[in-house]
Amino acid sequence: MITITTIIHIIVSIIIIIAVLLQVGKGASIGSSFGGSSSQTIFGSAGPATMLTKITYICVAIFMLTSLFLTYNSSKQRSKSIMSDVPAVAAPEAAQPQAPVEQPVPAQK
């Protein structure tokens, strides 16, 4: 379920990016990017604004829902550790410090 939701989340993210980049900016029209004013009819008589705005709103709603779902699932605490099946190993006993061994001093001639 999480894998499917993640895939939907990524696809919707890409669609949002494309829809926002295609929207008309201030003082510019999308027809000029296609090479003239006659191409305004590509998106219908109302132009691209209404269709792209609706697509953006729908995708943003889906994006928010998938974000909430993925956040909720990732915050669940795990009750079992991956190390629970590993047998415990006793720690080695601490070694007692030994007295320093004196090195023989070479005899002077």
PDB file of N, CA and C in Angstrom:
ATOM      1  N   MET A   1       0.827  -1.193   0.000  1.00  0.00           N
ATOM      2  CA  MET A   1       0.000   0.000   0.000  1.00  0.00           C
ATOM      3  C   MET A   1       0.875   1.263   0.000  1.00  0.00           C
ATOM      4  N   ILE A   2       1.954   1.213   0.771  1.00  0.00           N
ATOM      5  CA  ILE A   2       2.837   2.380   0.841  1.00  0.00           C
ATOM      6  C   ILE A   2       3.556   2.578  -0.488  1.00  0.00           C
ATOM      7  N   THR A   3       3.908   1.498  -1.150  1.00  0.00           N
ATOM      8  CA  THR A   3       4.588   1.604  -2.439  1.00  0.00           C
ATOM      9  C   THR A   3       3.683   2.249  -3.486  1.00  0.00           C
ATOM     10  N   ILE A   4       2.436   1.826  -3.531  1.00  0.00           N
ATOM     11  CA  ILE A   4       1.479   2.401  -4.488  1.00  0.00           C
ATOM     12  C   ILE A   4       1.268   3.880  -4.195  1.00  0.00           C
ATOM     13  N   THR A   5       1.136   4.217  -2.916  1.00  0.00           N
ATOM     14  CA  THR A   5       0.939   5.613  -2.536  1.00  0.00           C
ATOM     15  C   THR A   5       2.161   6.457  -2.896  1.00  0.00           C
ATOM     16  N   THR A   6       3.344   5.908  -2.720  1.00  0.00           N
ATOM     17  CA  THR A   6       4.556   6.641  -3.074  1.00  0.00           C
ATOM     18  C   THR A   6       4.637   6.879  -4.579  1.00  0.00           C
ATOM     19  N   ILE A   7       4.272   5.881  -5.370  1.00  0.00           N
ATOM     20  CA  ILE A   7       4.278   6.029  -6.828  1.00  0.00           C
ATOM     21  C   ILE A   7       3.275   7.099  -7.262  1.00  0.00           C
ATOM     22  N   ILE A   8       2.075   7.067  -6.683  1.00  0.00           N
ATOM     23  CA  ILE A   8       1.063   8.089  -6.985  1.00  0.00           C
ATOM     24  C   ILE A   8       1.571   9.473  -6.582  1.00  0.00           C
ATOM     25  N   HIS A   9       2.221   9.552  -5.442  1.00  0.00           N
ATOM     26  CA  HIS A   9       2.761  10.813  -4.932  1.00  0.00           C
ATOM     27  C   HIS A   9       3.794  11.396  -5.902  1.00  0.00           C
ATOM     28  N   ILE A  10       4.663  10.565  -6.432  1.00  0.00           N
ATOM     29  CA  ILE A  10       5.694  11.030  -7.370  1.00  0.00           C
ATOM     30  C   ILE A  10       5.070  11.460  -8.696  1.00  0.00           C
ATOM     31  N   ILE A  11       4.112  10.691  -9.199  1.00  0.00           N
ATOM     32  CA  ILE A  11       3.459  11.036 -10.468  1.00  0.00           C
ATOM     33  C   ILE A  11       2.709  12.360 -10.346  1.00  0.00           C
ATOM     34  N   VAL A  12       1.985  12.535  -9.241  1.00  0.00           N
ATOM     35  CA  VAL A  12       1.237  13.770  -9.031  1.00  0.00           C
ATOM     36  C   VAL A  12       2.197  14.951  -8.881  1.00  0.00           C
ATOM     37  N   SER A  13       3.342  14.729  -8.249  1.00  0.00           N
ATOM     38  CA  SER A  13       4.337  15.798  -8.123  1.00  0.00           C
ATOM     39  C   SER A  13       4.814  16.266  -9.493  1.00  0.00           C
ATOM     40  N   ILE A  14       5.068  15.332 -10.372  1.00  0.00           N
ATOM     41  CA  ILE A  14       5.517  15.681 -11.724  1.00  0.00           C
ATOM     42  C   ILE A  14       4.421  16.420 -12.484  1.00  0.00           C
ATOM     43  N   ILE A  15       3.170  15.978 -12.336  1.00  0.00           N
ATOM     44  CA  ILE A  15       2.051  16.647 -13.013  1.00  0.00           C
ATOM     45  C   ILE A  15       1.887  18.069 -12.492  1.00  0.00           C
ATOM     46  N   ILE A  16       2.048  18.272 -11.185  1.00  0.00           N
ATOM     47  CA  ILE A  16       1.947  19.621 -10.615  1.00  0.00           C
ATOM     48  C   ILE A  16       3.036  20.523 -11.196  1.00  0.00           C
ATOM     49  N   ILE A  17       4.239  20.019 -11.286  1.00  0.00           N
ATOM     50  CA  ILE A  17       5.342  20.816 -11.835  1.00  0.00           C
ATOM     51  C   ILE A  17       5.037  21.217 -13.276  1.00  0.00           C
ATOM     52  N   ILE A  18       4.572  20.282 -14.082  1.00  0.00           N
ATOM     53  CA  ILE A  18       4.269  20.573 -15.486  1.00  0.00           C
ATOM     54  C   ILE A  18       3.114  21.563 -15.591  1.00  0.00           C
ATOM     55  N   ALA A  19       2.057  21.367 -14.791  1.00  0.00           N
ATOM     56  CA  ALA A  19       0.897  22.257 -14.852  1.00  0.00           C
ATOM     57  C   ALA A  19       1.257  23.673 -14.431  1.00  0.00           C
ATOM     58  N   VAL A  20       2.085  23.820 -13.425  1.00  0.00           N
ATOM     59  CA  VAL A  20       2.474  25.160 -12.978  1.00  0.00           C
ATOM     60  C   VAL A  20       3.361  25.833 -14.016  1.00  0.00           C
ATOM     61  N   LEU A  21       4.259  25.076 -14.621  1.00  0.00           N
ATOM     62  CA  LEU A  21       5.132  25.677 -15.633  1.00  0.00           C
ATOM     63  C   LEU A  21       4.380  26.070 -16.907  1.00  0.00           C
ATOM     64  N   LEU A  22       3.281  25.394 -17.210  1.00  0.00           N
ATOM     65  CA  LEU A  22       2.510  25.725 -18.402  1.00  0.00           C
ATOM     66  C   LEU A  22       1.548  26.882 -18.191  1.00  0.00           C
ATOM     67  N   GLN A  23       1.303  27.270 -16.955  1.00  0.00           N
ATOM     68  CA  GLN A  23       0.343  28.339 -16.711  1.00  0.00           C
ATOM     69  C   GLN A  23       0.890  29.673 -17.195  1.00  0.00           C
ATOM     70  N   VAL A  24      -0.030  30.538 -17.534  1.00  0.00           N
ATOM     71  CA  VAL A  24       0.316  31.833 -18.100  1.00  0.00           C
ATOM     72  C   VAL A  24       0.856  32.742 -17.000  1.00  0.00           C
ATOM     73  N   GLY A  25       1.990  33.360 -17.285  1.00  0.00           N
ATOM     74  CA  GLY A  25       2.559  34.311 -16.352  1.00  0.00           C
ATOM     75  C   GLY A  25       1.996  35.699 -16.595  1.00  0.00           C
ATOM     76  N   LYS A  26       2.410  36.672 -15.807  1.00  0.00           N
ATOM     77  CA  LYS A  26       1.942  38.044 -15.966  1.00  0.00           C
ATOM     78  C   LYS A  26       2.469  38.614 -17.280  1.00  0.00           C
ATOM     79  N   GLY A  27       1.545  39.146 -18.094  1.00  0.00           N
ATOM     80  CA  GLY A  27       1.949  39.802 -19.331  1.00  0.00           C
ATOM     81  C   GLY A  27       2.365  38.867 -20.442  1.00  0.00           C
ATOM     82  N   ALA A  28       2.218  37.591 -20.280  1.00  0.00           N
ATOM     83  CA  ALA A  28       2.601  36.648 -21.332  1.00  0.00           C
ATOM     84  C   ALA A  28       1.433  35.716 -21.605  1.00  0.00           C
ATOM     85  N   SER A  29       1.384  35.220 -22.787  1.00  0.00           N
ATOM     86  CA  SER A  29       0.337  34.256 -23.109  1.00  0.00           C
ATOM     87  C   SER A  29       0.993  32.977 -23.595  1.00  0.00           C
ATOM     88  N   ILE A  30       0.307  31.880 -23.382  1.00  0.00           N
ATOM     89  CA  ILE A  30       0.882  30.596 -23.761  1.00  0.00           C
ATOM     90  C   ILE A  30       0.904  30.449 -25.284  1.00  0.00           C
ATOM     91  N   GLY A  31       0.066  31.213 -25.969  1.00  0.00           N
ATOM     92  CA  GLY A  31       0.048  31.149 -27.430  1.00  0.00           C
ATOM     93  C   GLY A  31       1.339  31.626 -28.039  1.00  0.00           C
ATOM     94  N   SER A  32       1.977  32.589 -27.407  1.00  0.00           N
ATOM     95  CA  SER A  32       3.226  33.089 -27.968  1.00  0.00           C
ATOM     96  C   SER A  32       4.337  32.050 -27.887  1.00  0.00           C
ATOM     97  N   SER A  33       4.250  31.162 -26.938  1.00  0.00           N
ATOM     98  CA  SER A  33       5.279  30.132 -26.839  1.00  0.00           C
ATOM     99  C   SER A  33       5.087  29.043 -27.890  1.00  0.00           C
ATOM    100  N   PHE A  34       3.861  28.940 -28.444  1.00  0.00           N
ATOM    101  CA  PHE A  34       3.614  27.958 -29.498  1.00  0.00           C
ATOM    102  C   PHE A  34       3.757  28.556 -30.889  1.00  0.00           C
ATOM    103  N   GLY A  35       4.038  29.843 -30.967  1.00  0.00           N
ATOM    104  CA  GLY A  35       4.322  30.422 -32.260  1.00  0.00           C
ATOM    105  C   GLY A  35       3.230  31.277 -32.852  1.00  0.00           C
ATOM    106  N   GLY A  36       2.321  31.799 -32.069  1.00  0.00           N
ATOM    107  CA  GLY A  36       1.333  32.717 -32.628  1.00  0.00           C
ATOM    108  C   GLY A  36       0.062  32.744 -31.818  1.00  0.00           C
ATOM    109  N   SER A  37      -0.811  33.651 -32.178  1.00  0.00           N
ATOM    110  CA  SER A  37      -2.054  33.794 -31.421  1.00  0.00           C
ATOM    111  C   SER A  37      -3.095  32.770 -31.837  1.00  0.00           C
ATOM    112  N   SER A  38      -2.940  32.144 -32.994  1.00  0.00           N
ATOM    113  CA  SER A  38      -3.934  31.178 -33.457  1.00  0.00           C
ATOM    114  C   SER A  38      -3.883  29.882 -32.658  1.00  0.00           C
ATOM    115  N   SER A  39      -2.791  29.643 -31.954  1.00  0.00           N
ATOM    116  CA  SER A  39      -2.685  28.396 -31.191  1.00  0.00           C
ATOM    117  C   SER A  39      -3.342  28.500 -29.826  1.00  0.00           C
ATOM    118  N   GLN A  40      -4.006  29.617 -29.524  1.00  0.00           N
ATOM    119  CA  GLN A  40      -4.733  29.748 -28.266  1.00  0.00           C
ATOM    120  C   GLN A  40      -5.881  28.749 -28.208  1.00  0.00           C
ATOM    121  N   THR A  41      -6.341  28.287 -29.356  1.00  0.00           N
ATOM    122  CA  THR A  41      -7.465  27.364 -29.377  1.00  0.00           C
ATOM    123  C   THR A  41      -7.054  25.932 -29.051  1.00  0.00           C
ATOM    124  N   ILE A  42      -5.789  25.704 -28.777  1.00  0.00           N
ATOM    125  CA  ILE A  42      -5.342  24.355 -28.415  1.00  0.00           C
ATOM    126  C   ILE A  42      -6.039  23.887 -27.143  1.00  0.00           C
ATOM    127  N   PHE A  43      -6.175  24.808 -26.191  1.00  0.00           N
ATOM    128  CA  PHE A  43      -6.763  24.452 -24.904  1.00  0.00           C
ATOM    129  C   PHE A  43      -8.244  24.784 -24.823  1.00  0.00           C
ATOM    130  N   GLY A  44      -8.871  25.181 -25.915  1.00  0.00           N
ATOM    131  CA  GLY A  44     -10.283  25.535 -25.899  1.00  0.00           C
ATOM    132  C   GLY A  44     -10.449  27.038 -26.013  1.00  0.00           C
ATOM    133  N   SER A  45     -11.721  27.478 -26.055  1.00  0.00           N
ATOM    134  CA  SER A  45     -11.982  28.896 -26.258  1.00  0.00           C
ATOM    135  C   SER A  45     -11.623  29.733 -25.038  1.00  0.00           C
ATOM    136  N   ALA A  46     -11.666  29.150 -23.846  1.00  0.00           N
ATOM    137  CA  ALA A  46     -11.330  29.903 -22.631  1.00  0.00           C
ATOM    138  C   ALA A  46      -9.833  29.977 -22.413  1.00  0.00           C
ATOM    139  N   GLY A  47      -9.079  29.247 -23.188  1.00  0.00           N
ATOM    140  CA  GLY A  47      -7.634  29.261 -23.035  1.00  0.00           C
ATOM    141  C   GLY A  47      -7.189  28.231 -22.016  1.00  0.00           C
ATOM    142  N   PRO A  48      -5.894  28.206 -21.746  1.00  0.00           N
ATOM    143  CA  PRO A  48      -5.348  27.177 -20.865  1.00  0.00           C
ATOM    144  C   PRO A  48      -5.557  27.444 -19.384  1.00  0.00           C
ATOM    145  N   ALA A  49      -5.948  28.657 -19.021  1.00  0.00           N
ATOM    146  CA  ALA A  49      -5.990  29.027 -17.604  1.00  0.00           C
ATOM    147  C   ALA A  49      -6.946  28.157 -16.807  1.00  0.00           C
ATOM    148  N   THR A  50      -8.175  27.969 -17.289  1.00  0.00           N
ATOM    149  CA  THR A  50      -9.141  27.223 -16.482  1.00  0.00           C
ATOM    150  C   THR A  50      -8.793  25.746 -16.404  1.00  0.00           C
ATOM    151  N   MET A  51      -8.380  25.153 -17.520  1.00  0.00           N
ATOM    152  CA  MET A  51      -8.054  23.733 -17.493  1.00  0.00           C
ATOM    153  C   MET A  51      -6.829  23.464 -16.619  1.00  0.00           C
ATOM    154  N   LEU A  52      -5.768  24.256 -16.793  1.00  0.00           N
ATOM    155  CA  LEU A  52      -4.560  24.050 -16.002  1.00  0.00           C
ATOM    156  C   LEU A  52      -4.791  24.358 -14.526  1.00  0.00           C
ATOM    157  N   THR A  53      -5.647  25.328 -14.242  1.00  0.00           N
ATOM    158  CA  THR A  53      -5.962  25.647 -12.851  1.00  0.00           C
ATOM    159  C   THR A  53      -6.701  24.495 -12.192  1.00  0.00           C
ATOM    160  N   LYS A  54      -7.640  23.906 -12.901  1.00  0.00           N
ATOM    161  CA  LYS A  54      -8.380  22.756 -12.351  1.00  0.00           C
ATOM    162  C   LYS A  54      -7.448  21.565 -12.134  1.00  0.00           C
ATOM    163  N   ILE A  55      -6.575  21.319 -13.101  1.00  0.00           N
ATOM    164  CA  ILE A  55      -5.618  20.210 -12.956  1.00  0.00           C
ATOM    165  C   ILE A  55      -4.717  20.450 -11.753  1.00  0.00           C
ATOM    166  N   THR A  56      -4.263  21.704 -11.595  1.00  0.00           N
ATOM    167  CA  THR A  56      -3.395  22.030 -10.461  1.00  0.00           C
ATOM    168  C   THR A  56      -4.113  21.817  -9.139  1.00  0.00           C
ATOM    169  N   TYR A  57      -5.351  22.281  -9.026  1.00  0.00           N
ATOM    170  CA  TYR A  57      -6.102  22.119  -7.772  1.00  0.00           C
ATOM    171  C   TYR A  57      -6.328  20.647  -7.427  1.00  0.00           C
ATOM    172  N   ILE A  58      -6.687  19.865  -8.435  1.00  0.00           N
ATOM    173  CA  ILE A  58      -6.937  18.433  -8.194  1.00  0.00           C
ATOM    174  C   ILE A  58      -5.648  17.731  -7.771  1.00  0.00           C
ATOM    175  N   CYS A  59      -4.565  18.039  -8.483  1.00  0.00           N
ATOM    176  CA  CYS A  59      -3.281  17.397  -8.156  1.00  0.00           C
ATOM    177  C   CYS A  59      -2.769  17.825  -6.784  1.00  0.00           C
ATOM    178  N   VAL A  60      -2.987  19.077  -6.421  1.00  0.00           N
ATOM    179  CA  VAL A  60      -2.554  19.542  -5.103  1.00  0.00           C
ATOM    180  C   VAL A  60      -3.343  18.830  -4.017  1.00  0.00           C
ATOM    181  N   ALA A  61      -4.637  18.614  -4.224  1.00  0.00           N
ATOM    182  CA  ALA A  61      -5.442  17.891  -3.235  1.00  0.00           C
ATOM    183  C   ALA A  61      -4.952  16.449  -3.082  1.00  0.00           C
ATOM    184  N   ILE A  62      -4.673  15.789  -4.199  1.00  0.00           N
ATOM    185  CA  ILE A  62      -4.158  14.416  -4.140  1.00  0.00           C
ATOM    186  C   ILE A  62      -2.785  14.390  -3.483  1.00  0.00           C
ATOM    187  N   PHE A  63      -1.946  15.382  -3.806  1.00  0.00           N
ATOM    188  CA  PHE A  63      -0.608  15.474  -3.220  1.00  0.00           C
ATOM    189  C   PHE A  63      -0.691  15.622  -1.699  1.00  0.00           C
ATOM    190  N   MET A  64      -1.596  16.464  -1.225  1.00  0.00           N
ATOM    191  CA  MET A  64      -1.747  16.667   0.224  1.00  0.00           C
ATOM    192  C   MET A  64      -2.232  15.382   0.914  1.00  0.00           C
ATOM    193  N   LEU A  65      -3.176  14.695   0.297  1.00  0.00           N
ATOM    194  CA  LEU A  65      -3.681  13.456   0.897  1.00  0.00           C
ATOM    195  C   LEU A  65      -2.599  12.375   0.951  1.00  0.00           C
ATOM    196  N   THR A  66      -1.853  12.228  -0.131  1.00  0.00           N
ATOM    197  CA  THR A  66      -0.792  11.217  -0.111  1.00  0.00           C
ATOM    198  C   THR A  66       0.327  11.608   0.851  1.00  0.00           C
ATOM    199  N   SER A  67       0.586  12.915   0.977  1.00  0.00           N
ATOM    200  CA  SER A  67       1.598  13.362   1.940  1.00  0.00           C
ATOM    201  C   SER A  67       1.182  13.025   3.361  1.00  0.00           C
ATOM    202  N   LEU A  68      -0.081  13.300   3.689  1.00  0.00           N
ATOM    203  CA  LEU A  68      -0.577  12.980   5.032  1.00  0.00           C
ATOM    204  C   LEU A  68      -0.544  11.477   5.300  1.00  0.00           C
ATOM    205  N   PHE A  69      -0.931  10.684   4.309  1.00  0.00           N
ATOM    206  CA  PHE A  69      -0.930   9.231   4.470  1.00  0.00           C
ATOM    207  C   PHE A  69       0.482   8.697   4.682  1.00  0.00           C
ATOM    208  N   LEU A  70       1.428   9.173   3.872  1.00  0.00           N
ATOM    209  CA  LEU A  70       2.811   8.703   4.008  1.00  0.00           C
ATOM    210  C   LEU A  70       3.431   9.163   5.329  1.00  0.00           C
ATOM    211  N   THR A  71       3.091  10.370   5.762  1.00  0.00           N
ATOM    212  CA  THR A  71       3.602  10.857   7.049  1.00  0.00           C
ATOM    213  C   THR A  71       3.039  10.043   8.201  1.00  0.00           C
ATOM    214  N   TYR A  72       1.751   9.738   8.139  1.00  0.00           N
ATOM    215  CA  TYR A  72       1.124   8.951   9.201  1.00  0.00           C
ATOM    216  C   TYR A  72       1.744   7.558   9.284  1.00  0.00           C
ATOM    217  N   ASN A  73       1.967   6.929   8.146  1.00  0.00           N
ATOM    218  CA  ASN A  73       2.540   5.577   8.147  1.00  0.00           C
ATOM    219  C   ASN A  73       4.000   5.555   8.567  1.00  0.00           C
ATOM    220  N   SER A  74       4.731   6.603   8.276  1.00  0.00           N
ATOM    221  CA  SER A  74       6.142   6.612   8.652  1.00  0.00           C
ATOM    222  C   SER A  74       6.326   6.934  10.135  1.00  0.00           C
ATOM    223  N   SER A  75       5.329   7.522  10.766  1.00  0.00           N
ATOM    224  CA  SER A  75       5.473   7.888  12.174  1.00  0.00           C
ATOM    225  C   SER A  75       5.047   6.771  13.124  1.00  0.00           C
ATOM    226  N   LYS A  76       4.499   5.696  12.595  1.00  0.00           N
ATOM    227  CA  LYS A  76       4.113   4.580  13.459  1.00  0.00           C
ATOM    228  C   LYS A  76       5.364   3.968  14.091  1.00  0.00           C
ATOM    229  N   GLN A  77       5.283   3.705  15.379  1.00  0.00           N
ATOM    230  CA  GLN A  77       6.446   3.130  16.056  1.00  0.00           C
ATOM    231  C   GLN A  77       6.472   1.627  15.820  1.00  0.00           C
ATOM    232  N   ARG A  78       7.640   1.145  15.647  1.00  0.00           N
ATOM    233  CA  ARG A  78       7.816  -0.296  15.437  1.00  0.00           C
ATOM    234  C   ARG A  78       7.845  -0.967  16.807  1.00  0.00           C
ATOM    235  N   SER A  79       7.098  -2.039  16.927  1.00  0.00           N
ATOM    236  CA  SER A  79       7.071  -2.742  18.207  1.00  0.00           C
ATOM    237  C   SER A  79       8.119  -3.847  18.263  1.00  0.00           C
ATOM    238  N   LYS A  80       8.667  -4.191  17.134  1.00  0.00           N
ATOM    239  CA  LYS A  80       9.649  -5.254  17.085  1.00  0.00           C
ATOM    240  C   LYS A  80      10.915  -4.725  16.430  1.00  0.00           C
ATOM    241  N   SER A  81      12.022  -5.044  17.008  1.00  0.00           N
ATOM    242  CA  SER A  81      13.301  -4.616  16.476  1.00  0.00           C
ATOM    243  C   SER A  81      13.856  -5.692  15.555  1.00  0.00           C
ATOM    244  N   ILE A  82      14.692  -5.298  14.634  1.00  0.00           N
ATOM    245  CA  ILE A  82      15.324  -6.287  13.764  1.00  0.00           C
ATOM    246  C   ILE A  82      16.365  -7.085  14.531  1.00  0.00           C
ATOM    247  N   MET A  83      16.772  -6.598  15.691  1.00  0.00           N
ATOM    248  CA  MET A  83      17.782  -7.282  16.501  1.00  0.00           C
ATOM    249  C   MET A  83      17.153  -8.168  17.582  1.00  0.00           C
ATOM    250  N   SER A  84      15.829  -8.301  17.597  1.00  0.00           N
ATOM    251  CA  SER A  84      15.190  -9.076  18.659  1.00  0.00           C
ATOM    252  C   SER A  84      15.464 -10.575  18.538  1.00  0.00           C
ATOM    253  N   ASP A  85      15.764 -11.073  17.348  1.00  0.00           N
ATOM    254  CA  ASP A  85      16.028 -12.507  17.158  1.00  0.00           C
ATOM    255  C   ASP A  85      17.502 -12.872  17.339  1.00  0.00           C
ATOM    256  N   VAL A  86      18.359 -11.897  17.507  1.00  0.00           N
ATOM    257  CA  VAL A  86      19.788 -12.145  17.652  1.00  0.00           C
ATOM    258  C   VAL A  86      20.075 -12.504  19.109  1.00  0.00           C
ATOM    259  N   PRO A  87      20.771 -13.616  19.354  1.00  0.00           N
ATOM    260  CA  PRO A  87      21.053 -13.986  20.755  1.00  0.00           C
ATOM    261  C   PRO A  87      22.010 -12.976  21.400  1.00  0.00           C
ATOM    262  N   ALA A  88      21.801 -12.786  22.682  1.00  0.00           N
ATOM    263  CA  ALA A  88      22.637 -11.840  23.421  1.00  0.00           C
ATOM    264  C   ALA A  88      24.022 -12.435  23.645  1.00  0.00           C
ATOM    265  N   VAL A  89      25.027 -11.610  23.569  1.00  0.00           N
ATOM    266  CA  VAL A  89      26.408 -12.025  23.781  1.00  0.00           C
ATOM    267  C   VAL A  89      26.891 -11.367  25.060  1.00  0.00           C
ATOM    268  N   ALA A  90      27.468 -12.199  25.959  1.00  0.00           N
ATOM    269  CA  ALA A  90      27.953 -11.652  27.218  1.00  0.00           C
ATOM    270  C   ALA A  90      29.212 -10.827  26.963  1.00  0.00           C
ATOM    271  N   ALA A  91      29.310  -9.742  27.670  1.00  0.00           N
ATOM    272  CA  ALA A  91      30.486  -8.886  27.533  1.00  0.00           C
ATOM    273  C   ALA A  91      31.671  -9.547  28.213  1.00  0.00           C
ATOM    274  N   PRO A  92      32.869  -9.448  27.663  1.00  0.00           N
ATOM    275  CA  PRO A  92      34.040 -10.060  28.304  1.00  0.00           C
ATOM    276  C   PRO A  92      34.326  -9.349  29.623  1.00  0.00           C
ATOM    277  N   GLU A  93      34.843 -10.140  30.554  1.00  0.00           N
ATOM    278  CA  GLU A  93      35.146  -9.565  31.859  1.00  0.00           C
ATOM    279  C   GLU A  93      36.305  -8.589  31.724  1.00  0.00           C
ATOM    280  N   ALA A  94      36.255  -7.580  32.545  1.00  0.00           N
ATOM    281  CA  ALA A  94      37.309  -6.571  32.492  1.00  0.00           C
ATOM    282  C   ALA A  94      38.608  -7.169  33.026  1.00  0.00           C
ATOM    283  N   ALA A  95      39.668  -6.974  32.310  1.00  0.00           N
ATOM    284  CA  ALA A  95      40.966  -7.521  32.705  1.00  0.00           C
ATOM    285  C   ALA A  95      41.524  -6.707  33.875  1.00  0.00           C
ATOM    286  N   GLN A  96      42.102  -7.421  34.831  1.00  0.00           N
ATOM    287  CA  GLN A  96      42.708  -6.751  35.981  1.00  0.00           C
ATOM    288  C   GLN A  96      44.021  -6.125  35.528  1.00  0.00           C
ATOM    289  N   PRO A  97      44.294  -4.922  35.959  1.00  0.00           N
ATOM    290  CA  PRO A  97      45.568  -4.321  35.567  1.00  0.00           C
ATOM    291  C   PRO A  97      46.723  -5.076  36.214  1.00  0.00           C
ATOM    292  N   GLN A  98      47.712  -5.364  35.431  1.00  0.00           N
ATOM    293  CA  GLN A  98      48.870  -6.113  35.920  1.00  0.00           C
ATOM    294  C   GLN A  98      49.977  -5.128  36.283  1.00  0.00           C
ATOM    295  N   ALA A  99      50.839  -5.604  37.193  1.00  0.00           N
ATOM    296  CA  ALA A  99      51.973  -4.782  37.588  1.00  0.00           C
ATOM    297  C   ALA A  99      52.925  -4.677  36.413  1.00  0.00           C
ATOM    298  N   PRO A 100      53.529  -3.529  36.218  1.00  0.00           N
ATOM    299  CA  PRO A 100      54.446  -3.391  35.091  1.00  0.00           C
ATOM    300  C   PRO A 100      55.654  -4.308  35.264  1.00  0.00           C
ATOM    301  N   VAL A 101      56.054  -4.916  34.191  1.00  0.00           N
ATOM    302  CA  VAL A 101      57.204  -5.809  34.195  1.00  0.00           C
ATOM    303  C   VAL A 101      58.453  -4.952  34.001  1.00  0.00           C
ATOM    304  N   GLU A 102      59.426  -5.153  34.908  1.00  0.00           N
ATOM    305  CA  GLU A 102      60.652  -4.371  34.800  1.00  0.00           C
ATOM    306  C   GLU A 102      61.556  -4.985  33.739  1.00  0.00           C
ATOM    307  N   GLN A 103      62.099  -4.127  32.933  1.00  0.00           N
ATOM    308  CA  GLN A 103      63.025  -4.567  31.901  1.00  0.00           C
ATOM    309  C   GLN A 103      64.417  -4.611  32.494  1.00  0.00           C
ATOM    310  N   PRO A 104      65.207  -5.629  32.159  1.00  0.00           N
ATOM    311  CA  PRO A 104      66.580  -5.686  32.690  1.00  0.00           C
ATOM    312  C   PRO A 104      67.413  -4.531  32.138  1.00  0.00           C
ATOM    313  N   VAL A 105      68.120  -3.948  33.022  1.00  0.00           N
ATOM    314  CA  VAL A 105      68.997  -2.832  32.656  1.00  0.00           C
ATOM    315  C   VAL A 105      70.321  -3.405  32.202  1.00  0.00           C
ATOM    316  N   PRO A 106      70.835  -3.027  31.060  1.00  0.00           N
ATOM    317  CA  PRO A 106      72.117  -3.574  30.612  1.00  0.00           C
ATOM    318  C   PRO A 106      73.242  -3.139  31.549  1.00  0.00           C
ATOM    319  N   ALA A 107      74.151  -4.038  31.796  1.00  0.00           N
ATOM    320  CA  ALA A 107      75.285  -3.763  32.716  1.00  0.00           C
ATOM    321  C   ALA A 107      76.255  -2.811  32.050  1.00  0.00           C
ATOM    322  N   GLN A 108      76.795  -1.918  32.888  1.00  0.00           N
ATOM    323  CA  GLN A 108      77.764  -0.973  32.367  1.00  0.00           C
ATOM    324  C   GLN A 108      79.162  -1.584  32.391  1.00  0.00           C
ATOM    325  N   LYS A 109      80.001  -1.296  31.482  1.00  0.00           N
ATOM    326  CA  LYS A 109      81.343  -1.859  31.401  1.00  0.00           C
ATOM    327  C   LYS A 109      82.346  -0.919  31.925  1.00  0.00           C
TER     328      LYS A 109
END
